[in-house]
Amino acid sequence: MEIVFAITLALLCVAGLIIVVRLVRGPTTLDRIVAVDVFVILIVGGTAVGMAVQADGSNIALLVAVTLLGFVGSMTAVRMVERKGTHR
């Protein structure tokens, strides 16, 4: 099972690097907002894998709260960008 956890964390790190590239190079503001949202999801996934490695489920409520905060923040940012009409 340790190998599965290591592979999962490695894939999450690779995905994080790809997302950072999209965050820096993203041609539009909406691309950057989506990149930040996906980055938050990757952090939550990495934390969940870390919790599974340690067999500790005490932070599940924290993960749900961070995920919800990331979603609400992304939706709010998208609405603000759409209202202003500044996609670039």
PDB file of N, CA and C in Angstrom:
ATOM      1  N   MET A   1       0.822  -1.196   0.000  1.00  0.00           N
ATOM      2  CA  MET A   1       0.000   0.000   0.000  1.00  0.00           C
ATOM      3  C   MET A   1       0.863   1.256   0.000  1.00  0.00           C
ATOM      4  N   GLU A   2       2.056   1.142   0.561  1.00  0.00           N
ATOM      5  CA  GLU A   2       2.968   2.297   0.594  1.00  0.00           C
ATOM      6  C   GLU A   2       3.314   2.754  -0.825  1.00  0.00           C
ATOM      7  N   ILE A   3       3.434   1.796  -1.739  1.00  0.00           N
ATOM      8  CA  ILE A   3       3.775   2.142  -3.120  1.00  0.00           C
ATOM      9  C   ILE A   3       2.647   2.938  -3.763  1.00  0.00           C
ATOM     10  N   VAL A   4       1.415   2.547  -3.490  1.00  0.00           N
ATOM     11  CA  VAL A   4       0.259   3.260  -4.038  1.00  0.00           C
ATOM     12  C   VAL A   4       0.228   4.702  -3.513  1.00  0.00           C
ATOM     13  N   PHE A   5       0.498   4.879  -2.231  1.00  0.00           N
ATOM     14  CA  PHE A   5       0.521   6.226  -1.661  1.00  0.00           C
ATOM     15  C   PHE A   5       1.635   7.058  -2.285  1.00  0.00           C
ATOM     16  N   ALA A   6       2.797   6.463  -2.478  1.00  0.00           N
ATOM     17  CA  ALA A   6       3.922   7.195  -3.071  1.00  0.00           C
ATOM     18  C   ALA A   6       3.625   7.593  -4.517  1.00  0.00           C
ATOM     19  N   ILE A   7       3.039   6.677  -5.281  1.00  0.00           N
ATOM     20  CA  ILE A   7       2.695   6.986  -6.677  1.00  0.00           C
ATOM     21  C   ILE A   7       1.635   8.075  -6.725  1.00  0.00           C
ATOM     22  N   THR A   8       0.656   7.997  -5.847  1.00  0.00           N
ATOM     23  CA  THR A   8      -0.403   9.003  -5.809  1.00  0.00           C
ATOM     24  C   THR A   8       0.153  10.375  -5.476  1.00  0.00           C
ATOM     25  N   LEU A   9       1.019  10.455  -4.485  1.00  0.00           N
ATOM     26  CA  LEU A   9       1.616  11.740  -4.134  1.00  0.00           C
ATOM     27  C   LEU A   9       2.493  12.267  -5.258  1.00  0.00           C
ATOM     28  N   ALA A  10       3.213  11.381  -5.946  1.00  0.00           N
ATOM     29  CA  ALA A  10       4.044  11.813  -7.071  1.00  0.00           C
ATOM     30  C   ALA A  10       3.188  12.376  -8.199  1.00  0.00           C
ATOM     31  N   LEU A  11       2.084  11.716  -8.501  1.00  0.00           N
ATOM     32  CA  LEU A  11       1.189  12.208  -9.550  1.00  0.00           C
ATOM     33  C   LEU A  11       0.547  13.540  -9.152  1.00  0.00           C
ATOM     34  N   LEU A  12       0.206  13.692  -7.885  1.00  0.00           N
ATOM     35  CA  LEU A  12      -0.340  14.972  -7.421  1.00  0.00           C
ATOM     36  C   LEU A  12       0.692  16.081  -7.539  1.00  0.00           C
ATOM     37  N   CYS A  13       1.951  15.769  -7.277  1.00  0.00           N
ATOM     38  CA  CYS A  13       3.016  16.776  -7.430  1.00  0.00           C
ATOM     39  C   CYS A  13       3.204  17.169  -8.887  1.00  0.00           C
ATOM     40  N   VAL A  14       3.172  16.196  -9.793  1.00  0.00           N
ATOM     41  CA  VAL A  14       3.282  16.499 -11.222  1.00  0.00           C
ATOM     42  C   VAL A  14       2.102  17.359 -11.674  1.00  0.00           C
ATOM     43  N   ALA A  15       0.908  17.011 -11.228  1.00  0.00           N
ATOM     44  CA  ALA A  15      -0.273  17.811 -11.569  1.00  0.00           C
ATOM     45  C   ALA A  15      -0.139  19.218 -11.004  1.00  0.00           C
ATOM     46  N   GLY A  16       0.420  19.345  -9.802  1.00  0.00           N
ATOM     47  CA  GLY A  16       0.633  20.665  -9.210  1.00  0.00           C
ATOM     48  C   GLY A  16       1.586  21.511 -10.035  1.00  0.00           C
ATOM     49  N   LEU A  17       2.648  20.895 -10.551  1.00  0.00           N
ATOM     50  CA  LEU A  17       3.583  21.641 -11.405  1.00  0.00           C
ATOM     51  C   LEU A  17       2.913  22.105 -12.694  1.00  0.00           C
ATOM     52  N   ILE A  18       2.098  21.241 -13.276  1.00  0.00           N
ATOM     53  CA  ILE A  18       1.377  21.620 -14.495  1.00  0.00           C
ATOM     54  C   ILE A  18       0.411  22.763 -14.213  1.00  0.00           C
ATOM     55  N   ILE A  19      -0.249  22.720 -13.070  1.00  0.00           N
ATOM     56  CA  ILE A  19      -1.196  23.775 -12.709  1.00  0.00           C
ATOM     57  C   ILE A  19      -0.467  25.098 -12.462  1.00  0.00           C
ATOM     58  N   VAL A  20       0.717  25.037 -11.855  1.00  0.00           N
ATOM     59  CA  VAL A  20       1.482  26.270 -11.632  1.00  0.00           C
ATOM     60  C   VAL A  20       1.874  26.896 -12.969  1.00  0.00           C
ATOM     61  N   VAL A  21       2.227  26.059 -13.944  1.00  0.00           N
ATOM     62  CA  VAL A  21       2.534  26.580 -15.279  1.00  0.00           C
ATOM     63  C   VAL A  21       1.302  27.262 -15.870  1.00  0.00           C
ATOM     64  N   ARG A  22       0.140  26.638 -15.727  1.00  0.00           N
ATOM     65  CA  ARG A  22      -1.097  27.242 -16.252  1.00  0.00           C
ATOM     66  C   ARG A  22      -1.428  28.541 -15.515  1.00  0.00           C
ATOM     67  N   LEU A  23      -1.127  28.575 -14.230  1.00  0.00           N
ATOM     68  CA  LEU A  23      -1.385  29.769 -13.434  1.00  0.00           C
ATOM     69  C   LEU A  23      -0.516  30.928 -13.906  1.00  0.00           C
ATOM     70  N   VAL A  24       0.725  30.646 -14.225  1.00  0.00           N
ATOM     71  CA  VAL A  24       1.641  31.700 -14.661  1.00  0.00           C
ATOM     72  C   VAL A  24       1.384  32.101 -16.112  1.00  0.00           C
ATOM     73  N   ARG A  25       1.166  31.119 -16.984  1.00  0.00           N
ATOM     74  CA  ARG A  25       1.033  31.398 -18.411  1.00  0.00           C
ATOM     75  C   ARG A  25      -0.402  31.640 -18.869  1.00  0.00           C
ATOM     76  N   GLY A  26      -1.391  31.346 -18.035  1.00  0.00           N
ATOM     77  CA  GLY A  26      -2.796  31.433 -18.439  1.00  0.00           C
ATOM     78  C   GLY A  26      -3.121  32.719 -19.175  1.00  0.00           C
ATOM     79  N   PRO A  27      -3.609  32.613 -20.396  1.00  0.00           N
ATOM     80  CA  PRO A  27      -3.831  33.840 -21.160  1.00  0.00           C
ATOM     81  C   PRO A  27      -4.974  34.700 -20.613  1.00  0.00           C
ATOM     82  N   THR A  28      -5.918  34.105 -19.926  1.00  0.00           N
ATOM     83  CA  THR A  28      -7.039  34.902 -19.423  1.00  0.00           C
ATOM     84  C   THR A  28      -7.135  34.787 -17.910  1.00  0.00           C
ATOM     85  N   THR A  29      -7.875  35.707 -17.348  1.00  0.00           N
ATOM     86  CA  THR A  29      -8.108  35.688 -15.911  1.00  0.00           C
ATOM     87  C   THR A  29      -8.892  34.447 -15.501  1.00  0.00           C
ATOM     88  N   LEU A  30      -9.830  34.038 -16.336  1.00  0.00           N
ATOM     89  CA  LEU A  30     -10.632  32.851 -16.015  1.00  0.00           C
ATOM     90  C   LEU A  30      -9.763  31.594 -15.965  1.00  0.00           C
ATOM     91  N   ASP A  31      -8.753  31.504 -16.846  1.00  0.00           N
ATOM     92  CA  ASP A  31      -7.832  30.366 -16.781  1.00  0.00           C
ATOM     93  C   ASP A  31      -7.091  30.343 -15.458  1.00  0.00           C
ATOM     94  N   ARG A  32      -6.691  31.489 -14.987  1.00  0.00           N
ATOM     95  CA  ARG A  32      -5.967  31.565 -13.723  1.00  0.00           C
ATOM     96  C   ARG A  32      -6.875  31.214 -12.540  1.00  0.00           C
ATOM     97  N   ILE A  33      -8.118  31.625 -12.602  1.00  0.00           N
ATOM     98  CA  ILE A  33      -9.058  31.306 -11.527  1.00  0.00           C
ATOM     99  C   ILE A  33      -9.283  29.797 -11.452  1.00  0.00           C
ATOM    100  N   VAL A  34      -9.461  29.170 -12.599  1.00  0.00           N
ATOM    101  CA  VAL A  34      -9.650  27.722 -12.626  1.00  0.00           C
ATOM    102  C   VAL A  34      -8.388  27.015 -12.136  1.00  0.00           C
ATOM    103  N   ALA A  35      -7.219  27.543 -12.486  1.00  0.00           N
ATOM    104  CA  ALA A  35      -5.960  26.941 -12.033  1.00  0.00           C
ATOM    105  C   ALA A  35      -5.841  27.007 -10.516  1.00  0.00           C
ATOM    106  N   VAL A  36      -6.228  28.123  -9.923  1.00  0.00           N
ATOM    107  CA  VAL A  36      -6.173  28.229  -8.464  1.00  0.00           C
ATOM    108  C   VAL A  36      -7.153  27.246  -7.824  1.00  0.00           C
ATOM    109  N   ASP A  37      -8.325  27.102  -8.406  1.00  0.00           N
ATOM    110  CA  ASP A  37      -9.306  26.160  -7.866  1.00  0.00           C
ATOM    111  C   ASP A  37      -8.792  24.721  -7.939  1.00  0.00           C
ATOM    112  N   VAL A  38      -8.204  24.358  -9.056  1.00  0.00           N
ATOM    113  CA  VAL A  38      -7.656  23.009  -9.192  1.00  0.00           C
ATOM    114  C   VAL A  38      -6.487  22.820  -8.235  1.00  0.00           C
ATOM    115  N   PHE A  39      -5.681  23.859  -8.022  1.00  0.00           N
ATOM    116  CA  PHE A  39      -4.562  23.767  -7.086  1.00  0.00           C
ATOM    117  C   PHE A  39      -5.064  23.515  -5.665  1.00  0.00           C
ATOM    118  N   VAL A  40      -6.147  24.174  -5.281  1.00  0.00           N
ATOM    119  CA  VAL A  40      -6.733  23.927  -3.964  1.00  0.00           C
ATOM    120  C   VAL A  40      -7.208  22.478  -3.861  1.00  0.00           C
ATOM    121  N   ILE A  41      -7.815  21.970  -4.917  1.00  0.00           N
ATOM    122  CA  ILE A  41      -8.279  20.587  -4.912  1.00  0.00           C
ATOM    123  C   ILE A  41      -7.100  19.622  -4.805  1.00  0.00           C
ATOM    124  N   LEU A  42      -5.997  19.935  -5.489  1.00  0.00           N
ATOM    125  CA  LEU A  42      -4.811  19.084  -5.388  1.00  0.00           C
ATOM    126  C   LEU A  42      -4.230  19.094  -3.977  1.00  0.00           C
ATOM    127  N   ILE A  43      -4.243  20.237  -3.341  1.00  0.00           N
ATOM    128  CA  ILE A  43      -3.757  20.316  -1.964  1.00  0.00           C
ATOM    129  C   ILE A  43      -4.642  19.485  -1.044  1.00  0.00           C
ATOM    130  N   VAL A  44      -5.941  19.569  -1.233  1.00  0.00           N
ATOM    131  CA  VAL A  44      -6.860  18.763  -0.425  1.00  0.00           C
ATOM    132  C   VAL A  44      -6.633  17.274  -0.689  1.00  0.00           C
ATOM    133  N   GLY A  45      -6.426  16.909  -1.954  1.00  0.00           N
ATOM    134  CA  GLY A  45      -6.158  15.505  -2.276  1.00  0.00           C
ATOM    135  C   GLY A  45      -4.859  15.015  -1.647  1.00  0.00           C
ATOM    136  N   GLY A  46      -3.825  15.840  -1.697  1.00  0.00           N
ATOM    137  CA  GLY A  46      -2.562  15.472  -1.067  1.00  0.00           C
ATOM    138  C   GLY A  46      -2.693  15.325   0.431  1.00  0.00           C
ATOM    139  N   THR A  47      -3.454  16.210   1.042  1.00  0.00           N
ATOM    140  CA  THR A  47      -3.687  16.111   2.479  1.00  0.00           C
ATOM    141  C   THR A  47      -4.478  14.848   2.816  1.00  0.00           C
ATOM    142  N   ALA A  48      -5.444  14.512   1.973  1.00  0.00           N
ATOM    143  CA  ALA A  48      -6.220  13.288   2.200  1.00  0.00           C
ATOM    144  C   ALA A  48      -5.333  12.049   2.083  1.00  0.00           C
ATOM    145  N   VAL A  49      -4.419  12.052   1.122  1.00  0.00           N
ATOM    146  CA  VAL A  49      -3.499  10.916   0.996  1.00  0.00           C
ATOM    147  C   VAL A  49      -2.588  10.856   2.219  1.00  0.00           C
ATOM    148  N   GLY A  50      -2.123  11.996   2.685  1.00  0.00           N
ATOM    149  CA  GLY A  50      -1.306  12.019   3.899  1.00  0.00           C
ATOM    150  C   GLY A  50      -2.061  11.500   5.110  1.00  0.00           C
ATOM    151  N   MET A  51      -3.330  11.841   5.189  1.00  0.00           N
ATOM    152  CA  MET A  51      -4.153  11.328   6.289  1.00  0.00           C
ATOM    153  C   MET A  51      -4.322   9.818   6.179  1.00  0.00           C
ATOM    154  N   ALA A  52      -4.439   9.318   4.945  1.00  0.00           N
ATOM    155  CA  ALA A  52      -4.581   7.877   4.755  1.00  0.00           C
ATOM    156  C   ALA A  52      -3.293   7.146   5.126  1.00  0.00           C
ATOM    157  N   VAL A  53      -2.153   7.755   4.811  1.00  0.00           N
ATOM    158  CA  VAL A  53      -0.873   7.140   5.166  1.00  0.00           C
ATOM    159  C   VAL A  53      -0.747   7.019   6.679  1.00  0.00           C
ATOM    160  N   GLN A  54      -1.169   8.044   7.388  1.00  0.00           N
ATOM    161  CA  GLN A  54      -1.058   8.056   8.844  1.00  0.00           C
ATOM    162  C   GLN A  54      -2.238   7.379   9.534  1.00  0.00           C
ATOM    163  N   ALA A  55      -3.232   6.976   8.765  1.00  0.00           N
ATOM    164  CA  ALA A  55      -4.456   6.366   9.298  1.00  0.00           C
ATOM    165  C   ALA A  55      -5.101   7.257  10.350  1.00  0.00           C
ATOM    166  N   ASP A  56      -5.205   8.544  10.006  1.00  0.00           N
ATOM    167  CA  ASP A  56      -5.772   9.538  10.921  1.00  0.00           C
ATOM    168  C   ASP A  56      -6.871  10.299  10.181  1.00  0.00           C
ATOM    169  N   GLY A  57      -8.096  10.180  10.641  1.00  0.00           N
ATOM    170  CA  GLY A  57      -9.219  10.835   9.991  1.00  0.00           C
ATOM    171  C   GLY A  57      -9.732  12.049  10.731  1.00  0.00           C
ATOM    172  N   SER A  58      -8.885  12.637  11.552  1.00  0.00           N
ATOM    173  CA  SER A  58      -9.359  13.738  12.393  1.00  0.00           C
ATOM    174  C   SER A  58      -9.520  15.055  11.634  1.00  0.00           C
ATOM    175  N   ASN A  59      -8.962  15.172  10.448  1.00  0.00           N
ATOM    176  CA  ASN A  59      -9.020  16.440   9.716  1.00  0.00           C
ATOM    177  C   ASN A  59      -9.998  16.419   8.548  1.00  0.00           C
ATOM    178  N   ILE A  60     -10.910  15.494   8.530  1.00  0.00           N
ATOM    179  CA  ILE A  60     -11.842  15.402   7.407  1.00  0.00           C
ATOM    180  C   ILE A  60     -12.740  16.631   7.339  1.00  0.00           C
ATOM    181  N   ALA A  61     -13.189  17.128   8.459  1.00  0.00           N
ATOM    182  CA  ALA A  61     -14.028  18.331   8.463  1.00  0.00           C
ATOM    183  C   ALA A  61     -13.247  19.530   7.919  1.00  0.00           C
ATOM    184  N   LEU A  62     -11.965  19.608   8.237  1.00  0.00           N
ATOM    185  CA  LEU A  62     -11.128  20.681   7.707  1.00  0.00           C
ATOM    186  C   LEU A  62     -11.008  20.581   6.194  1.00  0.00           C
ATOM    187  N   LEU A  63     -10.855  19.378   5.667  1.00  0.00           N
ATOM    188  CA  LEU A  63     -10.769  19.204   4.219  1.00  0.00           C
ATOM    189  C   LEU A  63     -12.055  19.626   3.524  1.00  0.00           C
ATOM    190  N   VAL A  64     -13.179  19.281   4.107  1.00  0.00           N
ATOM    191  CA  VAL A  64     -14.464  19.679   3.529  1.00  0.00           C
ATOM    192  C   VAL A  64     -14.612  21.201   3.548  1.00  0.00           C
ATOM    193  N   ALA A  65     -14.208  21.825   4.635  1.00  0.00           N
ATOM    194  CA  ALA A  65     -14.307  23.278   4.746  1.00  0.00           C
ATOM    195  C   ALA A  65     -13.403  23.980   3.731  1.00  0.00           C
ATOM    196  N   VAL A  66     -12.186  23.488   3.556  1.00  0.00           N
ATOM    197  CA  VAL A  66     -11.260  24.102   2.590  1.00  0.00           C
ATOM    198  C   VAL A  66     -11.771  23.919   1.170  1.00  0.00           C
ATOM    199  N   THR A  67     -12.309  22.748   0.873  1.00  0.00           N
ATOM    200  CA  THR A  67     -12.861  22.504  -0.457  1.00  0.00           C
ATOM    201  C   THR A  67     -14.047  23.426  -0.736  1.00  0.00           C
ATOM    202  N   LEU A  68     -14.925  23.569   0.218  1.00  0.00           N
ATOM    203  CA  LEU A  68     -16.071  24.456   0.059  1.00  0.00           C
ATOM    204  C   LEU A  68     -15.633  25.901  -0.091  1.00  0.00           C
ATOM    205  N   LEU A  69     -14.661  26.318   0.691  1.00  0.00           N
ATOM    206  CA  LEU A  69     -14.146  27.684   0.593  1.00  0.00           C
ATOM    207  C   LEU A  69     -13.510  27.939  -0.769  1.00  0.00           C
ATOM    208  N   GLY A  70     -12.769  26.961  -1.285  1.00  0.00           N
ATOM    209  CA  GLY A  70     -12.173  27.097  -2.608  1.00  0.00           C
ATOM    210  C   GLY A  70     -13.221  27.210  -3.696  1.00  0.00           C
ATOM    211  N   PHE A  71     -14.268  26.409  -3.601  1.00  0.00           N
ATOM    212  CA  PHE A  71     -15.343  26.459  -4.593  1.00  0.00           C
ATOM    213  C   PHE A  71     -16.072  27.790  -4.549  1.00  0.00           C
ATOM    214  N   VAL A  72     -16.450  28.225  -3.367  1.00  0.00           N
ATOM    215  CA  VAL A  72     -17.176  29.491  -3.235  1.00  0.00           C
ATOM    216  C   VAL A  72     -16.293  30.661  -3.692  1.00  0.00           C
ATOM    217  N   GLY A  73     -15.018  30.618  -3.357  1.00  0.00           N
ATOM    218  CA  GLY A  73     -14.103  31.672  -3.787  1.00  0.00           C
ATOM    219  C   GLY A  73     -13.967  31.719  -5.296  1.00  0.00           C
ATOM    220  N   SER A  74     -13.869  30.569  -5.917  1.00  0.00           N
ATOM    221  CA  SER A  74     -13.760  30.528  -7.378  1.00  0.00           C
ATOM    222  C   SER A  74     -15.024  31.042  -8.052  1.00  0.00           C
ATOM    223  N   MET A  75     -16.173  30.643  -7.549  1.00  0.00           N
ATOM    224  CA  MET A  75     -17.418  31.119  -8.138  1.00  0.00           C
ATOM    225  C   MET A  75     -17.577  32.628  -7.972  1.00  0.00           C
ATOM    226  N   THR A  76     -17.176  33.141  -6.830  1.00  0.00           N
ATOM    227  CA  THR A  76     -17.249  34.580  -6.597  1.00  0.00           C
ATOM    228  C   THR A  76     -16.320  35.333  -7.537  1.00  0.00           C
ATOM    229  N   ALA A  77     -15.108  34.829  -7.718  1.00  0.00           N
ATOM    230  CA  ALA A  77     -14.155  35.485  -8.607  1.00  0.00           C
ATOM    231  C   ALA A  77     -14.641  35.447 -10.053  1.00  0.00           C
ATOM    232  N   VAL A  78     -15.207  34.331 -10.472  1.00  0.00           N
ATOM    233  CA  VAL A  78     -15.725  34.229 -11.847  1.00  0.00           C
ATOM    234  C   VAL A  78     -16.876  35.199 -12.060  1.00  0.00           C
ATOM    235  N   ARG A  79     -17.755  35.323 -11.081  1.00  0.00           N
ATOM    236  CA  ARG A  79     -18.872  36.267 -11.216  1.00  0.00           C
ATOM    237  C   ARG A  79     -18.376  37.706 -11.318  1.00  0.00           C
ATOM    238  N   MET A  80     -17.346  38.035 -10.529  1.00  0.00           N
ATOM    239  CA  MET A  80     -16.801  39.394 -10.592  1.00  0.00           C
ATOM    240  C   MET A  80     -16.165  39.669 -11.948  1.00  0.00           C
ATOM    241  N   VAL A  81     -15.439  38.702 -12.485  1.00  0.00           N
ATOM    242  CA  VAL A  81     -14.811  38.878 -13.789  1.00  0.00           C
ATOM    243  C   VAL A  81     -15.869  38.995 -14.871  1.00  0.00           C
ATOM    244  N   GLU A  82     -16.902  38.191 -14.798  1.00  0.00           N
ATOM    245  CA  GLU A  82     -17.968  38.236 -15.796  1.00  0.00           C
ATOM    246  C   GLU A  82     -18.714  39.559 -15.756  1.00  0.00           C
ATOM    247  N   ARG A  83     -18.943  40.097 -14.579  1.00  0.00           N
ATOM    248  CA  ARG A  83     -19.661  41.371 -14.467  1.00  0.00           C
ATOM    249  C   ARG A  83     -18.848  42.529 -15.035  1.00  0.00           C
ATOM    250  N   LYS A  84     -17.536  42.499 -14.771  1.00  0.00           N
ATOM    251  CA  LYS A  84     -16.693  43.577 -15.269  1.00  0.00           C
ATOM    252  C   LYS A  84     -16.419  43.431 -16.759  1.00  0.00           C
ATOM    253  N   GLY A  85     -16.521  42.211 -17.255  1.00  0.00           N
ATOM    254  CA  GLY A  85     -16.272  41.984 -18.677  1.00  0.00           C
ATOM    255  C   GLY A  85     -14.802  41.991 -19.022  1.00  0.00           C
ATOM    256  N   THR A  86     -13.944  41.819 -18.040  1.00  0.00           N
ATOM    257  CA  THR A  86     -12.508  41.804 -18.284  1.00  0.00           C
ATOM    258  C   THR A  86     -12.020  40.367 -18.257  1.00  0.00           C
ATOM    259  N   HIS A  87     -12.046  39.745 -19.422  1.00  0.00           N
ATOM    260  CA  HIS A  87     -11.624  38.350 -19.502  1.00  0.00           C
ATOM    261  C   HIS A  87     -10.113  38.254 -19.646  1.00  0.00           C
ATOM    262  N   ARG A  88      -9.443  39.318 -20.014  1.00  0.00           N
ATOM    263  CA  ARG A  88      -7.989  39.257 -20.251  1.00  0.00           C
ATOM    264  C   ARG A  88      -7.246  40.121 -19.326  1.00  0.00           C
TER     265      ARG A  88
END
